[in-house]
Amino acid sequence: MSNETLREPLMLKGGTVSKCVYNVVFCTKYCRKLFDTEETRSLVKDIIKDLCENTLGCNLLNINVLDSAVELDLIVEPTRGIYKIIRGIKRGSHRTLIDKIPGINTRVPTIWTRKELVRTKDGDISYADVLNFIEKQRKG
Protein backbone atom coordinates (compact mmCIF):
# COMPACT_ATOMS: atom_id res chain seq x y z
CA MET A 1 0.00 0.00 0.00
CA SER A 2 1.49 3.33 -1.01
CA ASN A 3 1.39 6.53 1.00
CA GLU A 4 -0.88 8.07 -1.66
CA THR A 5 -3.73 5.77 -0.62
CA LEU A 6 -3.39 6.80 3.04
CA ARG A 7 -3.80 10.59 2.68
CA GLU A 8 -6.85 10.60 4.95
CA PRO A 9 -6.21 9.30 8.47
CA LEU A 10 -7.24 5.81 9.48
CA MET A 11 -9.90 5.46 12.15
CA LEU A 12 -9.25 3.05 15.01
CA LYS A 13 -12.15 1.93 17.19
CA GLY A 14 -12.13 -1.22 19.24
CA GLY A 15 -10.29 -3.79 17.19
CA THR A 16 -11.22 -2.33 13.82
CA VAL A 17 -9.08 -0.10 11.66
CA SER A 18 -11.03 1.56 8.87
CA LYS A 19 -10.97 4.31 6.30
CA CYS A 20 -14.53 5.03 5.13
CA VAL A 21 -14.28 8.41 3.45
CA TYR A 22 -17.40 9.87 1.82
CA ASN A 23 -18.08 12.92 -0.31
CA VAL A 24 -21.58 14.25 0.47
CA VAL A 25 -23.52 17.05 -1.24
CA PHE A 26 -26.96 18.31 -0.25
CA CYS A 27 -28.96 21.35 -1.27
CA THR A 28 -31.26 23.84 0.35
CA LYS A 29 -35.00 23.44 -0.23
CA TYR A 30 -35.97 24.69 -3.71
CA CYS A 31 -32.24 25.48 -4.15
CA ARG A 32 -32.86 28.87 -2.58
CA LYS A 33 -29.69 30.89 -2.09
CA LEU A 34 -29.87 30.98 1.69
CA PHE A 35 -26.11 31.19 2.24
CA ASP A 36 -25.30 34.13 0.01
CA THR A 37 -23.19 36.05 2.52
CA GLU A 38 -19.83 35.17 4.02
CA GLU A 39 -21.37 35.47 7.50
CA THR A 40 -24.02 32.80 6.83
CA ARG A 41 -21.47 30.51 5.14
CA SER A 42 -19.20 30.80 8.15
CA LEU A 43 -22.12 30.06 10.48
CA VAL A 44 -23.09 26.94 8.50
CA LYS A 45 -19.47 25.72 8.58
CA ASP A 46 -19.22 26.24 12.35
CA ILE A 47 -22.53 24.48 13.04
CA ILE A 48 -21.67 21.45 10.90
CA LYS A 49 -18.12 21.21 12.33
CA ASP A 50 -19.55 21.29 15.86
CA LEU A 51 -22.15 18.63 15.05
CA CYS A 52 -19.57 16.31 13.49
CA GLU A 53 -17.00 16.67 16.27
CA ASN A 54 -19.20 16.81 19.37
CA THR A 55 -22.46 15.04 18.54
CA LEU A 56 -22.16 12.64 15.64
CA GLY A 57 -18.68 11.22 16.17
CA CYS A 58 -17.39 11.56 12.62
CA ASN A 59 -14.35 13.38 11.27
CA LEU A 60 -14.96 16.31 8.95
CA LEU A 61 -12.07 16.58 6.49
CA ASN A 62 -13.41 19.36 4.30
CA ILE A 63 -16.48 21.55 4.01
CA ASN A 64 -17.49 23.76 1.11
CA VAL A 65 -20.59 25.94 1.53
CA LEU A 66 -22.12 27.32 -1.67
CA ASP A 67 -25.08 29.70 -1.99
CA SER A 68 -27.58 26.83 -2.09
CA ALA A 69 -25.62 23.67 -1.26
CA VAL A 70 -23.10 22.12 1.11
CA GLU A 71 -20.31 19.71 0.15
CA LEU A 72 -18.62 17.64 2.85
CA ASP A 73 -15.79 15.12 3.01
CA LEU A 74 -16.41 12.86 6.00
CA ILE A 75 -14.68 9.92 7.66
CA VAL A 76 -17.35 7.69 9.20
CA GLU A 77 -17.04 4.55 11.30
CA PRO A 78 -18.26 1.49 9.40
CA THR A 79 -20.64 0.63 12.25
CA ARG A 80 -22.42 3.97 11.85
CA GLY A 81 -24.35 4.49 8.68
CA ILE A 82 -23.48 7.44 6.49
CA TYR A 83 -27.18 8.21 6.17
CA LYS A 84 -27.53 8.43 9.95
CA ILE A 85 -24.70 10.95 9.97
CA ILE A 86 -26.26 12.98 7.14
CA ARG A 87 -29.65 12.94 8.86
CA GLY A 88 -28.00 14.12 12.08
CA ILE A 89 -26.24 16.97 10.25
CA LYS A 90 -29.43 18.09 8.52
CA ARG A 91 -31.62 17.86 11.63
CA GLY A 92 -29.11 19.45 13.96
CA SER A 93 -28.22 22.31 11.66
CA HIS A 94 -31.85 23.03 10.73
CA ARG A 95 -32.92 24.10 14.21
CA THR A 96 -29.72 26.03 14.91
CA LEU A 97 -29.90 27.93 11.62
CA ILE A 98 -33.55 28.87 12.22
CA ASP A 99 -32.60 30.19 15.66
CA LYS A 100 -29.53 32.15 14.46
CA ILE A 101 -30.67 33.55 11.09
CA PRO A 102 -33.75 35.72 11.46
CA GLY A 103 -36.40 35.22 8.80
CA ILE A 104 -34.84 32.15 7.18
CA ASN A 105 -37.90 30.01 7.89
CA THR A 106 -40.14 32.49 6.07
CA ARG A 107 -38.17 31.86 2.86
CA VAL A 108 -38.46 28.05 2.92
CA PRO A 109 -40.55 25.60 4.96
CA THR A 110 -37.47 23.53 5.79
CA ILE A 111 -33.83 24.31 5.09
CA TRP A 112 -32.67 21.06 3.45
CA THR A 113 -34.06 18.84 0.71
CA ARG A 114 -34.52 15.14 1.38
CA LYS A 115 -32.04 14.21 -1.32
CA GLU A 116 -28.28 14.04 -1.16
CA LEU A 117 -25.40 12.91 -3.34
CA VAL A 118 -23.17 10.41 -1.53
CA ARG A 119 -20.02 8.92 -3.01
CA THR A 120 -17.09 7.07 -1.58
CA LYS A 121 -13.97 9.11 -1.92
CA ASP A 122 -11.60 6.55 -3.35
CA GLY A 123 -10.70 8.25 -6.59
CA ASP A 124 -11.14 11.45 -8.48
CA ILE A 125 -14.40 13.23 -7.77
CA SER A 126 -15.47 15.44 -10.60
CA TYR A 127 -16.67 18.89 -9.62
CA ALA A 128 -18.88 18.70 -12.72
CA ASP A 129 -20.78 15.82 -11.04
CA VAL A 130 -21.45 18.02 -8.01
CA LEU A 131 -22.67 20.89 -10.16
CA ASN A 132 -24.83 18.50 -12.19
CA PHE A 133 -26.49 17.23 -8.99
CA ILE A 134 -27.18 20.78 -7.79
CA GLU A 135 -28.63 21.73 -11.18
CA LYS A 136 -30.95 18.70 -11.14
CA GLN A 137 -32.19 19.79 -7.71
CA ARG A 138 -33.05 23.22 -9.10
CA LYS A 139 -35.12 21.70 -11.89
CA GLY A 140 -37.07 19.61 -9.43
C-alpha atoms as a PDB file:
ATOM      1  CA  MET A   1       0.000   0.000   0.000  1.00  0.00           C
ATOM      2  CA  SER A   2       1.489   3.330  -1.013  1.00  0.00           C
ATOM      3  CA  ASN A   3       1.393   6.533   1.004  1.00  0.00           C
ATOM      4  CA  GLU A   4      -0.882   8.066  -1.656  1.00  0.00           C
ATOM      5  CA  THR A   5      -3.728   5.771  -0.617  1.00  0.00           C
ATOM      6  CA  LEU A   6      -3.390   6.804   3.044  1.00  0.00           C
ATOM      7  CA  ARG A   7      -3.802  10.585   2.677  1.00  0.00           C
ATOM      8  CA  GLU A   8      -6.846  10.600   4.955  1.00  0.00           C
ATOM      9  CA  PRO A   9      -6.207   9.296   8.473  1.00  0.00           C
ATOM     10  CA  LEU A  10      -7.241   5.810   9.480  1.00  0.00           C
ATOM     11  CA  MET A  11      -9.902   5.461  12.145  1.00  0.00           C
ATOM     12  CA  LEU A  12      -9.253   3.046  15.009  1.00  0.00           C
ATOM     13  CA  LYS A  13     -12.148   1.925  17.194  1.00  0.00           C
ATOM     14  CA  GLY A  14     -12.131  -1.217  19.240  1.00  0.00           C
ATOM     15  CA  GLY A  15     -10.287  -3.794  17.187  1.00  0.00           C
ATOM     16  CA  THR A  16     -11.221  -2.327  13.821  1.00  0.00           C
ATOM     17  CA  VAL A  17      -9.081  -0.104  11.658  1.00  0.00           C
ATOM     18  CA  SER A  18     -11.034   1.558   8.867  1.00  0.00           C
ATOM     19  CA  LYS A  19     -10.967   4.313   6.302  1.00  0.00           C
ATOM     20  CA  CYS A  20     -14.528   5.025   5.132  1.00  0.00           C
ATOM     21  CA  VAL A  21     -14.284   8.415   3.445  1.00  0.00           C
ATOM     22  CA  TYR A  22     -17.396   9.875   1.817  1.00  0.00           C
ATOM     23  CA  ASN A  23     -18.084  12.923  -0.314  1.00  0.00           C
ATOM     24  CA  VAL A  24     -21.580  14.246   0.467  1.00  0.00           C
ATOM     25  CA  VAL A  25     -23.522  17.047  -1.235  1.00  0.00           C
ATOM     26  CA  PHE A  26     -26.960  18.312  -0.246  1.00  0.00           C
ATOM     27  CA  CYS A  27     -28.957  21.352  -1.274  1.00  0.00           C
ATOM     28  CA  THR A  28     -31.263  23.845   0.352  1.00  0.00           C
ATOM     29  CA  LYS A  29     -34.996  23.442  -0.225  1.00  0.00           C
ATOM     30  CA  TYR A  30     -35.965  24.687  -3.706  1.00  0.00           C
ATOM     31  CA  CYS A  31     -32.237  25.481  -4.155  1.00  0.00           C
ATOM     32  CA  ARG A  32     -32.860  28.869  -2.582  1.00  0.00           C
ATOM     33  CA  LYS A  33     -29.694  30.894  -2.091  1.00  0.00           C
ATOM     34  CA  LEU A  34     -29.872  30.983   1.693  1.00  0.00           C
ATOM     35  CA  PHE A  35     -26.107  31.185   2.244  1.00  0.00           C
ATOM     36  CA  ASP A  36     -25.302  34.128   0.009  1.00  0.00           C
ATOM     37  CA  THR A  37     -23.186  36.053   2.518  1.00  0.00           C
ATOM     38  CA  GLU A  38     -19.833  35.166   4.024  1.00  0.00           C
ATOM     39  CA  GLU A  39     -21.371  35.471   7.503  1.00  0.00           C
ATOM     40  CA  THR A  40     -24.017  32.802   6.829  1.00  0.00           C
ATOM     41  CA  ARG A  41     -21.474  30.512   5.140  1.00  0.00           C
ATOM     42  CA  SER A  42     -19.204  30.795   8.150  1.00  0.00           C
ATOM     43  CA  LEU A  43     -22.121  30.064  10.482  1.00  0.00           C
ATOM     44  CA  VAL A  44     -23.091  26.942   8.502  1.00  0.00           C
ATOM     45  CA  LYS A  45     -19.473  25.719   8.585  1.00  0.00           C
ATOM     46  CA  ASP A  46     -19.219  26.242  12.348  1.00  0.00           C
ATOM     47  CA  ILE A  47     -22.528  24.479  13.039  1.00  0.00           C
ATOM     48  CA  ILE A  48     -21.666  21.448  10.898  1.00  0.00           C
ATOM     49  CA  LYS A  49     -18.121  21.207  12.333  1.00  0.00           C
ATOM     50  CA  ASP A  50     -19.548  21.286  15.862  1.00  0.00           C
ATOM     51  CA  LEU A  51     -22.150  18.626  15.055  1.00  0.00           C
ATOM     52  CA  CYS A  52     -19.565  16.306  13.491  1.00  0.00           C
ATOM     53  CA  GLU A  53     -17.003  16.671  16.270  1.00  0.00           C
ATOM     54  CA  ASN A  54     -19.202  16.806  19.365  1.00  0.00           C
ATOM     55  CA  THR A  55     -22.464  15.042  18.545  1.00  0.00           C
ATOM     56  CA  LEU A  56     -22.165  12.640  15.640  1.00  0.00           C
ATOM     57  CA  GLY A  57     -18.675  11.217  16.169  1.00  0.00           C
ATOM     58  CA  CYS A  58     -17.393  11.564  12.623  1.00  0.00           C
ATOM     59  CA  ASN A  59     -14.354  13.377  11.269  1.00  0.00           C
ATOM     60  CA  LEU A  60     -14.964  16.312   8.949  1.00  0.00           C
ATOM     61  CA  LEU A  61     -12.069  16.577   6.495  1.00  0.00           C
ATOM     62  CA  ASN A  62     -13.411  19.356   4.303  1.00  0.00           C
ATOM     63  CA  ILE A  63     -16.485  21.548   4.005  1.00  0.00           C
ATOM     64  CA  ASN A  64     -17.491  23.762   1.110  1.00  0.00           C
ATOM     65  CA  VAL A  65     -20.585  25.941   1.530  1.00  0.00           C
ATOM     66  CA  LEU A  66     -22.119  27.318  -1.665  1.00  0.00           C
ATOM     67  CA  ASP A  67     -25.083  29.695  -1.985  1.00  0.00           C
ATOM     68  CA  SER A  68     -27.578  26.831  -2.093  1.00  0.00           C
ATOM     69  CA  ALA A  69     -25.615  23.668  -1.263  1.00  0.00           C
ATOM     70  CA  VAL A  70     -23.097  22.122   1.107  1.00  0.00           C
ATOM     71  CA  GLU A  71     -20.314  19.713   0.148  1.00  0.00           C
ATOM     72  CA  LEU A  72     -18.624  17.638   2.850  1.00  0.00           C
ATOM     73  CA  ASP A  73     -15.792  15.118   3.007  1.00  0.00           C
ATOM     74  CA  LEU A  74     -16.405  12.862   6.003  1.00  0.00           C
ATOM     75  CA  ILE A  75     -14.678   9.923   7.659  1.00  0.00           C
ATOM     76  CA  VAL A  76     -17.349   7.694   9.203  1.00  0.00           C
ATOM     77  CA  GLU A  77     -17.041   4.553  11.301  1.00  0.00           C
ATOM     78  CA  PRO A  78     -18.262   1.487   9.401  1.00  0.00           C
ATOM     79  CA  THR A  79     -20.637   0.633  12.254  1.00  0.00           C
ATOM     80  CA  ARG A  80     -22.415   3.971  11.851  1.00  0.00           C
ATOM     81  CA  GLY A  81     -24.352   4.493   8.678  1.00  0.00           C
ATOM     82  CA  ILE A  82     -23.477   7.439   6.488  1.00  0.00           C
ATOM     83  CA  TYR A  83     -27.183   8.206   6.174  1.00  0.00           C
ATOM     84  CA  LYS A  84     -27.527   8.430   9.954  1.00  0.00           C
ATOM     85  CA  ILE A  85     -24.695  10.951   9.971  1.00  0.00           C
ATOM     86  CA  ILE A  86     -26.264  12.980   7.142  1.00  0.00           C
ATOM     87  CA  ARG A  87     -29.650  12.939   8.863  1.00  0.00           C
ATOM     88  CA  GLY A  88     -27.997  14.122  12.081  1.00  0.00           C
ATOM     89  CA  ILE A  89     -26.240  16.967  10.251  1.00  0.00           C
ATOM     90  CA  LYS A  90     -29.431  18.087   8.520  1.00  0.00           C
ATOM     91  CA  ARG A  91     -31.619  17.864  11.633  1.00  0.00           C
ATOM     92  CA  GLY A  92     -29.107  19.453  13.961  1.00  0.00           C
ATOM     93  CA  SER A  93     -28.216  22.307  11.656  1.00  0.00           C
ATOM     94  CA  HIS A  94     -31.851  23.030  10.730  1.00  0.00           C
ATOM     95  CA  ARG A  95     -32.925  24.105  14.206  1.00  0.00           C
ATOM     96  CA  THR A  96     -29.723  26.031  14.914  1.00  0.00           C
ATOM     97  CA  LEU A  97     -29.898  27.929  11.615  1.00  0.00           C
ATOM     98  CA  ILE A  98     -33.547  28.870  12.216  1.00  0.00           C
ATOM     99  CA  ASP A  99     -32.597  30.192  15.658  1.00  0.00           C
ATOM    100  CA  LYS A 100     -29.535  32.148  14.460  1.00  0.00           C
ATOM    101  CA  ILE A 101     -30.669  33.546  11.087  1.00  0.00           C
ATOM    102  CA  PRO A 102     -33.746  35.722  11.462  1.00  0.00           C
ATOM    103  CA  GLY A 103     -36.402  35.218   8.797  1.00  0.00           C
ATOM    104  CA  ILE A 104     -34.836  32.147   7.185  1.00  0.00           C
ATOM    105  CA  ASN A 105     -37.898  30.006   7.893  1.00  0.00           C
ATOM    106  CA  THR A 106     -40.137  32.490   6.072  1.00  0.00           C
ATOM    107  CA  ARG A 107     -38.173  31.859   2.855  1.00  0.00           C
ATOM    108  CA  VAL A 108     -38.459  28.048   2.919  1.00  0.00           C
ATOM    109  CA  PRO A 109     -40.553  25.596   4.957  1.00  0.00           C
ATOM    110  CA  THR A 110     -37.471  23.529   5.789  1.00  0.00           C
ATOM    111  CA  ILE A 111     -33.830  24.313   5.092  1.00  0.00           C
ATOM    112  CA  TRP A 112     -32.667  21.059   3.455  1.00  0.00           C
ATOM    113  CA  THR A 113     -34.057  18.840   0.709  1.00  0.00           C
ATOM    114  CA  ARG A 114     -34.518  15.136   1.380  1.00  0.00           C
ATOM    115  CA  LYS A 115     -32.039  14.205  -1.324  1.00  0.00           C
ATOM    116  CA  GLU A 116     -28.277  14.039  -1.158  1.00  0.00           C
ATOM    117  CA  LEU A 117     -25.400  12.909  -3.339  1.00  0.00           C
ATOM    118  CA  VAL A 118     -23.174  10.408  -1.530  1.00  0.00           C
ATOM    119  CA  ARG A 119     -20.018   8.915  -3.015  1.00  0.00           C
ATOM    120  CA  THR A 120     -17.087   7.066  -1.579  1.00  0.00           C
ATOM    121  CA  LYS A 121     -13.971   9.106  -1.925  1.00  0.00           C
ATOM    122  CA  ASP A 122     -11.598   6.550  -3.346  1.00  0.00           C
ATOM    123  CA  GLY A 123     -10.701   8.251  -6.588  1.00  0.00           C
ATOM    124  CA  ASP A 124     -11.144  11.447  -8.479  1.00  0.00           C
ATOM    125  CA  ILE A 125     -14.397  13.228  -7.768  1.00  0.00           C
ATOM    126  CA  SER A 126     -15.474  15.436 -10.600  1.00  0.00           C
ATOM    127  CA  TYR A 127     -16.673  18.890  -9.623  1.00  0.00           C
ATOM    128  CA  ALA A 128     -18.880  18.698 -12.719  1.00  0.00           C
ATOM    129  CA  ASP A 129     -20.775  15.822 -11.037  1.00  0.00           C
ATOM    130  CA  VAL A 130     -21.445  18.018  -8.006  1.00  0.00           C
ATOM    131  CA  LEU A 131     -22.669  20.892 -10.164  1.00  0.00           C
ATOM    132  CA  ASN A 132     -24.829  18.499 -12.193  1.00  0.00           C
ATOM    133  CA  PHE A 133     -26.494  17.232  -8.986  1.00  0.00           C
ATOM    134  CA  ILE A 134     -27.179  20.781  -7.785  1.00  0.00           C
ATOM    135  CA  GLU A 135     -28.633  21.733 -11.182  1.00  0.00           C
ATOM    136  CA  LYS A 136     -30.952  18.702 -11.136  1.00  0.00           C
ATOM    137  CA  GLN A 137     -32.189  19.795  -7.706  1.00  0.00           C
ATOM    138  CA  ARG A 138     -33.049  23.223  -9.095  1.00  0.00           C
ATOM    139  CA  LYS A 139     -35.121  21.698 -11.887  1.00  0.00           C
ATOM    140  CA  GLY A 140     -37.069  19.608  -9.426  1.00  0.00           C
END
